[in-house]
PDB file of N, CA and C in Angstrom:
ATOM      1  N   UNK A   1     -67.642  -9.296 -20.419  1.00  0.00           N
ATOM      2  CA  UNK A   1     -67.431  -9.555 -19.245  1.00  0.00           C
ATOM      3  C   UNK A   1     -66.901  -8.720 -18.527  1.00  0.00           C
ATOM      4  N   UNK A   2     -67.579  -8.876 -17.190  1.00  0.00           N
ATOM      5  CA  UNK A   2     -67.536  -8.366 -16.256  1.00  0.00           C
ATOM      6  C   UNK A   2     -66.289  -8.593 -14.664  1.00  0.00           C
ATOM      7  N   UNK A   3     -66.044  -7.588 -14.173  1.00  0.00           N
ATOM      8  CA  UNK A   3     -64.780  -7.560 -13.174  1.00  0.00           C
ATOM      9  C   UNK A   3     -64.871  -8.503 -11.919  1.00  0.00           C
ATOM     10  N   UNK A   4     -66.066  -7.808 -11.531  1.00  0.00           N
ATOM     11  CA  UNK A   4     -67.055  -8.178 -10.236  1.00  0.00           C
ATOM     12  C   UNK A   4     -68.644  -7.475 -10.401  1.00  0.00           C
ATOM     13  N   UNK A   5     -69.343  -8.395  -9.257  1.00  0.00           N
ATOM     14  CA  UNK A   5     -70.656  -7.664  -9.582  1.00  0.00           C
ATOM     15  C   UNK A   5     -70.813  -7.081  -7.999  1.00  0.00           C
ATOM     16  N   UNK A   6     -71.483  -5.926  -8.174  1.00  0.00           N
ATOM     17  CA  UNK A   6     -71.689  -5.490  -6.676  1.00  0.00           C
ATOM     18  C   UNK A   6     -73.155  -4.956  -6.373  1.00  0.00           C
ATOM     19  N   UNK A   7     -74.280  -6.103  -5.855  1.00  0.00           N
ATOM     20  CA  UNK A   7     -75.423  -5.465  -5.345  1.00  0.00           C
ATOM     21  C   UNK A   7     -76.050  -5.814  -7.455  1.00  0.00           C
ATOM     22  N   UNK A   8     -76.588  -4.740  -7.395  1.00  0.00           N
ATOM     23  CA  UNK A   8     -77.270  -5.254  -9.281  1.00  0.00           C
ATOM     24  C   UNK A   8     -76.144  -4.767 -10.420  1.00  0.00           C
ATOM     25  N   UNK A   9     -74.801  -4.640  -9.833  1.00  0.00           N
ATOM     26  CA  UNK A   9     -74.313  -3.692 -10.504  1.00  0.00           C
ATOM     27  C   UNK A   9     -73.096  -4.435 -11.464  1.00  0.00           C
ATOM     28  N   UNK A  10     -72.639  -4.842 -12.841  1.00  0.00           N
ATOM     29  CA  UNK A  10     -71.288  -5.697 -12.859  1.00  0.00           C
ATOM     30  C   UNK A  10     -70.035  -4.858 -13.642  1.00  0.00           C
ATOM     31  N   UNK A  11     -69.454  -4.561 -12.854  1.00  0.00           N
ATOM     32  CA  UNK A  11     -68.126  -3.794 -12.889  1.00  0.00           C
ATOM     33  C   UNK A  11     -67.518  -3.724 -14.299  1.00  0.00           C
ATOM     34  N   UNK A  12     -67.696  -3.229 -14.999  1.00  0.00           N
ATOM     35  CA  UNK A  12     -66.832  -3.891 -16.413  1.00  0.00           C
ATOM     36  C   UNK A  12     -65.447  -3.237 -16.971  1.00  0.00           C
ATOM     37  N   UNK A  13     -65.163  -1.940 -16.113  1.00  0.00           N
ATOM     38  CA  UNK A  13     -63.975  -1.751 -16.186  1.00  0.00           C
ATOM     39  C   UNK A  13     -63.842  -0.433 -15.723  1.00  0.00           C
ATOM     40  N   UNK A  14     -62.703  -0.254 -15.306  1.00  0.00           N
ATOM     41  CA  UNK A  14     -61.855   1.091 -14.046  1.00  0.00           C
ATOM     42  C   UNK A  14     -61.900   1.983 -15.158  1.00  0.00           C
ATOM     43  N   UNK A  15     -62.350   3.272 -15.082  1.00  0.00           N
ATOM     44  CA  UNK A  15     -62.243   4.179 -15.767  1.00  0.00           C
ATOM     45  C   UNK A  15     -61.317   5.123 -14.951  1.00  0.00           C
ATOM     46  N   UNK A  16     -60.810   5.350 -13.633  1.00  0.00           N
ATOM     47  CA  UNK A  16     -59.892   6.214 -13.514  1.00  0.00           C
ATOM     48  C   UNK A  16     -60.481   5.959 -11.726  1.00  0.00           C
ATOM     49  N   UNK A  17     -58.723   6.945 -10.955  1.00  0.00           N
ATOM     50  CA  UNK A  17     -58.589   6.715  -9.197  1.00  0.00           C
ATOM     51  C   UNK A  17     -58.252   7.998  -9.157  1.00  0.00           C
ATOM     52  N   UNK A  18     -58.436   8.289  -8.045  1.00  0.00           N
ATOM     53  CA  UNK A  18     -57.929   9.458  -7.291  1.00  0.00           C
ATOM     54  C   UNK A  18     -58.176   9.611  -5.536  1.00  0.00           C
ATOM     55  N   UNK A  19     -58.004  10.775  -5.197  1.00  0.00           N
ATOM     56  CA  UNK A  19     -57.695  10.897  -3.810  1.00  0.00           C
ATOM     57  C   UNK A  19     -58.878   9.937  -2.915  1.00  0.00           C
ATOM     58  N   UNK A  20     -60.154  10.526  -3.631  1.00  0.00           N
ATOM     59  CA  UNK A  20     -61.531  10.154  -2.502  1.00  0.00           C
ATOM     60  C   UNK A  20     -61.753   8.442  -3.047  1.00  0.00           C
ATOM     61  N   UNK A  21     -61.462   8.115  -4.342  1.00  0.00           N
ATOM     62  CA  UNK A  21     -61.433   6.926  -4.223  1.00  0.00           C
ATOM     63  C   UNK A  21     -61.677   6.409  -6.081  1.00  0.00           C
ATOM     64  N   UNK A  22     -62.068   5.434  -6.417  1.00  0.00           N
ATOM     65  CA  UNK A  22     -62.141   4.775  -7.479  1.00  0.00           C
ATOM     66  C   UNK A  22     -63.452   4.971  -8.226  1.00  0.00           C
ATOM     67  N   UNK A  23     -63.502   5.267  -9.759  1.00  0.00           N
ATOM     68  CA  UNK A  23     -64.510   5.196 -11.037  1.00  0.00           C
ATOM     69  C   UNK A  23     -64.979   3.825 -11.652  1.00  0.00           C
ATOM     70  N   UNK A  24     -65.694   3.307 -11.751  1.00  0.00           N
ATOM     71  CA  UNK A  24     -65.755   2.072 -12.632  1.00  0.00           C
ATOM     72  C   UNK A  24     -67.074   2.458 -13.247  1.00  0.00           C
ATOM     73  N   UNK A  25     -66.764   2.073 -15.045  1.00  0.00           N
ATOM     74  CA  UNK A  25     -67.646   1.942 -15.690  1.00  0.00           C
ATOM     75  C   UNK A  25     -68.658   0.335 -15.532  1.00  0.00           C
ATOM     76  N   UNK A  26     -69.954   0.583 -15.280  1.00  0.00           N
ATOM     77  CA  UNK A  26     -70.893  -0.503 -14.878  1.00  0.00           C
ATOM     78  C   UNK A  26     -71.935  -0.801 -15.374  1.00  0.00           C
ATOM     79  N   UNK A  27     -72.554  -1.626 -15.742  1.00  0.00           N
ATOM     80  CA  UNK A  27     -73.399  -1.888 -16.110  1.00  0.00           C
ATOM     81  C   UNK A  27     -74.845  -2.151 -15.059  1.00  0.00           C
ATOM     82  N   UNK A  28     -75.562  -1.530 -14.759  1.00  0.00           N
ATOM     83  CA  UNK A  28     -77.143  -1.494 -14.003  1.00  0.00           C
ATOM     84  C   UNK A  28     -77.733  -2.587 -14.811  1.00  0.00           C
ATOM     85  N   UNK A  29     -78.074  -4.203 -13.848  1.00  0.00           N
ATOM     86  CA  UNK A  29     -78.871  -4.810 -14.635  1.00  0.00           C
ATOM     87  C   UNK A  29     -80.067  -4.770 -14.273  1.00  0.00           C
ATOM     88  N   UNK A  30     -80.807  -3.867 -13.656  1.00  0.00           N
ATOM     89  CA  UNK A  30     -82.395  -3.508 -13.033  1.00  0.00           C
ATOM     90  C   UNK A  30     -82.346  -2.378 -14.098  1.00  0.00           C
ATOM     91  N   UNK A  31     -81.894  -1.452 -14.346  1.00  0.00           N
ATOM     92  CA  UNK A  31     -82.150  -0.375 -15.432  1.00  0.00           C
ATOM     93  C   UNK A  31     -81.509  -0.828 -16.434  1.00  0.00           C
ATOM     94  N   UNK A  32     -80.836  -1.843 -16.977  1.00  0.00           N
ATOM     95  CA  UNK A  32     -80.237  -2.010 -18.523  1.00  0.00           C
ATOM     96  C   UNK A  32     -79.624  -1.055 -18.807  1.00  0.00           C
ATOM     97  N   UNK A  33     -78.719  -0.412 -18.415  1.00  0.00           N
ATOM     98  CA  UNK A  33     -77.938   0.495 -18.859  1.00  0.00           C
ATOM     99  C   UNK A  33     -76.558   0.737 -17.984  1.00  0.00           C
ATOM    100  N   UNK A  34     -75.471   1.561 -18.711  1.00  0.00           N
ATOM    101  CA  UNK A  34     -74.555   1.536 -18.274  1.00  0.00           C
ATOM    102  C   UNK A  34     -74.302   2.552 -17.362  1.00  0.00           C
ATOM    103  N   UNK A  35     -73.705   2.904 -16.519  1.00  0.00           N
ATOM    104  CA  UNK A  35     -73.626   3.873 -15.539  1.00  0.00           C
ATOM    105  C   UNK A  35     -71.912   3.783 -14.554  1.00  0.00           C
ATOM    106  N   UNK A  36     -71.903   5.278 -14.216  1.00  0.00           N
ATOM    107  CA  UNK A  36     -70.450   5.810 -13.806  1.00  0.00           C
ATOM    108  C   UNK A  36     -70.647   5.198 -12.013  1.00  0.00           C
ATOM    109  N   UNK A  37     -70.019   3.696 -11.618  1.00  0.00           N
ATOM    110  CA  UNK A  37     -70.001   3.716 -10.148  1.00  0.00           C
ATOM    111  C   UNK A  37     -68.558   4.543  -9.594  1.00  0.00           C
ATOM    112  N   UNK A  38     -69.041   5.094  -8.879  1.00  0.00           N
ATOM    113  CA  UNK A  38     -67.754   5.690  -7.783  1.00  0.00           C
ATOM    114  C   UNK A  38     -67.903   4.779  -6.683  1.00  0.00           C
ATOM    115  N   UNK A  39     -66.718   4.660  -5.848  1.00  0.00           N
ATOM    116  CA  UNK A  39     -66.595   3.616  -4.330  1.00  0.00           C
ATOM    117  C   UNK A  39     -65.994   4.641  -3.548  1.00  0.00           C
ATOM    118  N   UNK A  40     -65.940   4.960  -2.783  1.00  0.00           N
ATOM    119  CA  UNK A  40     -65.281   5.669  -1.747  1.00  0.00           C
ATOM    120  C   UNK A  40     -64.195   5.352  -1.028  1.00  0.00           C
ATOM    121  N   UNK A  41     -62.612   5.853  -1.349  1.00  0.00           N
ATOM    122  CA  UNK A  41     -61.520   4.892  -0.633  1.00  0.00           C
ATOM    123  C   UNK A  41     -61.804   4.761   0.617  1.00  0.00           C
ATOM    124  N   UNK A  42     -61.249   3.629   1.310  1.00  0.00           N
ATOM    125  CA  UNK A  42     -61.525   3.110   2.906  1.00  0.00           C
ATOM    126  C   UNK A  42     -60.629   3.667   3.354  1.00  0.00           C
ATOM    127  N   UNK A  43     -59.890   4.612   3.555  1.00  0.00           N
ATOM    128  CA  UNK A  43     -59.433   5.467   4.134  1.00  0.00           C
ATOM    129  C   UNK A  43     -59.982   6.801   4.680  1.00  0.00           C
ATOM    130  N   UNK A  44     -60.933   6.787   4.081  1.00  0.00           N
ATOM    131  CA  UNK A  44     -61.649   7.658   4.130  1.00  0.00           C
ATOM    132  C   UNK A  44     -63.265   7.478   4.101  1.00  0.00           C
ATOM    133  N   UNK A  45     -63.661   6.572   4.387  1.00  0.00           N
ATOM    134  CA  UNK A  45     -64.945   6.154   3.933  1.00  0.00           C
ATOM    135  C   UNK A  45     -66.048   6.692   5.541  1.00  0.00           C
ATOM    136  N   UNK A  46     -65.113   6.262   6.781  1.00  0.00           N
ATOM    137  CA  UNK A  46     -65.641   6.751   7.723  1.00  0.00           C
ATOM    138  C   UNK A  46     -65.830   8.206   8.361  1.00  0.00           C
ATOM    139  N   UNK A  47     -65.232   9.052   7.675  1.00  0.00           N
ATOM    140  CA  UNK A  47     -64.901  10.236   8.091  1.00  0.00           C
ATOM    141  C   UNK A  47     -66.548  10.865   7.680  1.00  0.00           C
ATOM    142  N   UNK A  48     -66.782  11.818   8.580  1.00  0.00           N
ATOM    143  CA  UNK A  48     -68.242  12.372   8.318  1.00  0.00           C
ATOM    144  C   UNK A  48     -67.870  13.569   6.989  1.00  0.00           C
ATOM    145  N   UNK A  49     -66.951  14.362   7.057  1.00  0.00           N
ATOM    146  CA  UNK A  49     -66.907  15.333   5.993  1.00  0.00           C
ATOM    147  C   UNK A  49     -66.930  15.077   4.510  1.00  0.00           C
ATOM    148  N   UNK A  50     -65.852  13.359   4.305  1.00  0.00           N
ATOM    149  CA  UNK A  50     -66.140  12.999   3.036  1.00  0.00           C
ATOM    150  C   UNK A  50     -67.415  12.199   3.351  1.00  0.00           C
ATOM    151  N   UNK A  51     -68.071  11.604   3.660  1.00  0.00           N
ATOM    152  CA  UNK A  51     -69.183  10.877   3.398  1.00  0.00           C
ATOM    153  C   UNK A  51     -69.785  12.020   2.817  1.00  0.00           C
ATOM    154  N   UNK A  52     -69.750  13.463   3.446  1.00  0.00           N
ATOM    155  CA  UNK A  52     -70.776  13.973   2.783  1.00  0.00           C
ATOM    156  C   UNK A  52     -71.061  14.716   1.890  1.00  0.00           C
ATOM    157  N   UNK A  53     -69.624  14.591   1.360  1.00  0.00           N
ATOM    158  CA  UNK A  53     -68.644  15.236   0.033  1.00  0.00           C
ATOM    159  C   UNK A  53     -69.399  14.496  -0.584  1.00  0.00           C
ATOM    160  N   UNK A  54     -68.654  13.297  -0.605  1.00  0.00           N
ATOM    161  CA  UNK A  54     -69.372  12.198  -1.290  1.00  0.00           C
ATOM    162  C   UNK A  54     -70.805  12.108  -1.703  1.00  0.00           C
ATOM    163  N   UNK A  55     -71.217  11.710  -1.138  1.00  0.00           N
ATOM    164  CA  UNK A  55     -73.077  12.632  -1.072  1.00  0.00           C
ATOM    165  C   UNK A  55     -73.384  13.590  -1.921  1.00  0.00           C
ATOM    166  N   UNK A  56     -72.935  14.365  -1.471  1.00  0.00           N
ATOM    167  CA  UNK A  56     -73.056  15.900  -2.060  1.00  0.00           C
ATOM    168  C   UNK A  56     -73.147  15.946  -3.527  1.00  0.00           C
ATOM    169  N   UNK A  57     -71.915  14.671  -4.194  1.00  0.00           N
ATOM    170  CA  UNK A  57     -71.205  15.437  -5.760  1.00  0.00           C
ATOM    171  C   UNK A  57     -72.219  13.706  -6.109  1.00  0.00           C
ATOM    172  N   UNK A  58     -72.564  12.813  -5.143  1.00  0.00           N
ATOM    173  CA  UNK A  58     -73.390  12.066  -6.205  1.00  0.00           C
ATOM    174  C   UNK A  58     -75.094  12.586  -6.383  1.00  0.00           C
ATOM    175  N   UNK A  59     -75.317  13.009  -5.286  1.00  0.00           N
ATOM    176  CA  UNK A  59     -76.711  14.379  -5.988  1.00  0.00           C
ATOM    177  C   UNK A  59     -76.667  15.475  -7.131  1.00  0.00           C
ATOM    178  N   UNK A  60     -75.775  15.736  -7.230  1.00  0.00           N
ATOM    179  CA  UNK A  60     -75.286  16.424  -8.096  1.00  0.00           C
ATOM    180  C   UNK A  60     -74.723  16.010  -9.200  1.00  0.00           C
ATOM    181  N   UNK A  61     -74.173  14.555  -9.600  1.00  0.00           N
ATOM    182  CA  UNK A  61     -74.546  14.182 -10.788  1.00  0.00           C
ATOM    183  C   UNK A  61     -75.780  13.675 -11.173  1.00  0.00           C
ATOM    184  N   UNK A  62     -76.559  13.177  -9.567  1.00  0.00           N
ATOM    185  CA  UNK A  62     -77.868  12.704 -10.261  1.00  0.00           C
ATOM    186  C   UNK A  62     -78.743  13.705 -11.105  1.00  0.00           C
ATOM    187  N   UNK A  63     -78.478  14.432 -11.062  1.00  0.00           N
ATOM    188  CA  UNK A  63     -79.220  15.316 -11.990  1.00  0.00           C
ATOM    189  C   UNK A  63     -78.841  15.489 -13.241  1.00  0.00           C
ATOM    190  N   UNK A  64     -77.564  15.085 -13.371  1.00  0.00           N
ATOM    191  CA  UNK A  64     -77.474  15.381 -15.024  1.00  0.00           C
ATOM    192  C   UNK A  64     -78.151  13.910 -16.118  1.00  0.00           C
ATOM    193  N   UNK A  65     -78.551  14.731 -17.071  1.00  0.00           N
ATOM    194  CA  UNK A  65     -78.812  13.742 -18.373  1.00  0.00           C
ATOM    195  C   UNK A  65     -78.564  14.288 -19.655  1.00  0.00           C
ATOM    196  N   UNK A  66     -77.884  13.456 -20.264  1.00  0.00           N
ATOM    197  CA  UNK A  66     -76.241  13.970 -21.253  1.00  0.00           C
ATOM    198  C   UNK A  66     -77.007  12.687 -22.141  1.00  0.00           C
ATOM    199  N   UNK A  67     -76.925  12.881 -23.276  1.00  0.00           N
ATOM    200  CA  UNK A  67     -76.758  11.663 -24.204  1.00  0.00           C
ATOM    201  C   UNK A  67     -75.333  11.000 -24.398  1.00  0.00           C
ATOM    202  N   UNK A  68     -74.289  12.136 -23.716  1.00  0.00           N
ATOM    203  CA  UNK A  68     -73.109  11.474 -23.657  1.00  0.00           C
ATOM    204  C   UNK A  68     -72.730  10.454 -22.240  1.00  0.00           C
ATOM    205  N   UNK A  69     -73.565  11.366 -21.190  1.00  0.00           N
ATOM    206  CA  UNK A  69     -73.438  10.208 -20.364  1.00  0.00           C
ATOM    207  C   UNK A  69     -74.208   9.444 -20.329  1.00  0.00           C
ATOM    208  N   UNK A  70     -75.246   9.039 -20.940  1.00  0.00           N
ATOM    209  CA  UNK A  70     -76.209   7.732 -21.188  1.00  0.00           C
ATOM    210  C   UNK A  70     -75.355   6.516 -21.986  1.00  0.00           C
ATOM    211  N   UNK A  71     -74.183   7.017 -22.370  1.00  0.00           N
ATOM    212  CA  UNK A  71     -73.738   6.315 -23.635  1.00  0.00           C
ATOM    213  C   UNK A  71     -72.245   5.806 -23.079  1.00  0.00           C
ATOM    214  N   UNK A  72     -72.254   5.658 -21.412  1.00  0.00           N
ATOM    215  CA  UNK A  72     -70.946   5.420 -21.027  1.00  0.00           C
ATOM    216  C   UNK A  72     -70.328   3.998 -20.885  1.00  0.00           C
TER     217      UNK A  72
END
């Protein structure tokens, strides 16, 4: 059951929330796998410092390849 669809991601459930945004378990319909999808909070989305931090975090996470993460 999908909560919402964003682009080619179907949000399955909310995993957590913090100062920078919300993390969801989502299904990538193109790659046919579950992923963690993080959205940046609106109040900081246009701030250059936080956008850079968010991008750096995404780059670091993209380098991970572990069987645990593949089965979110």
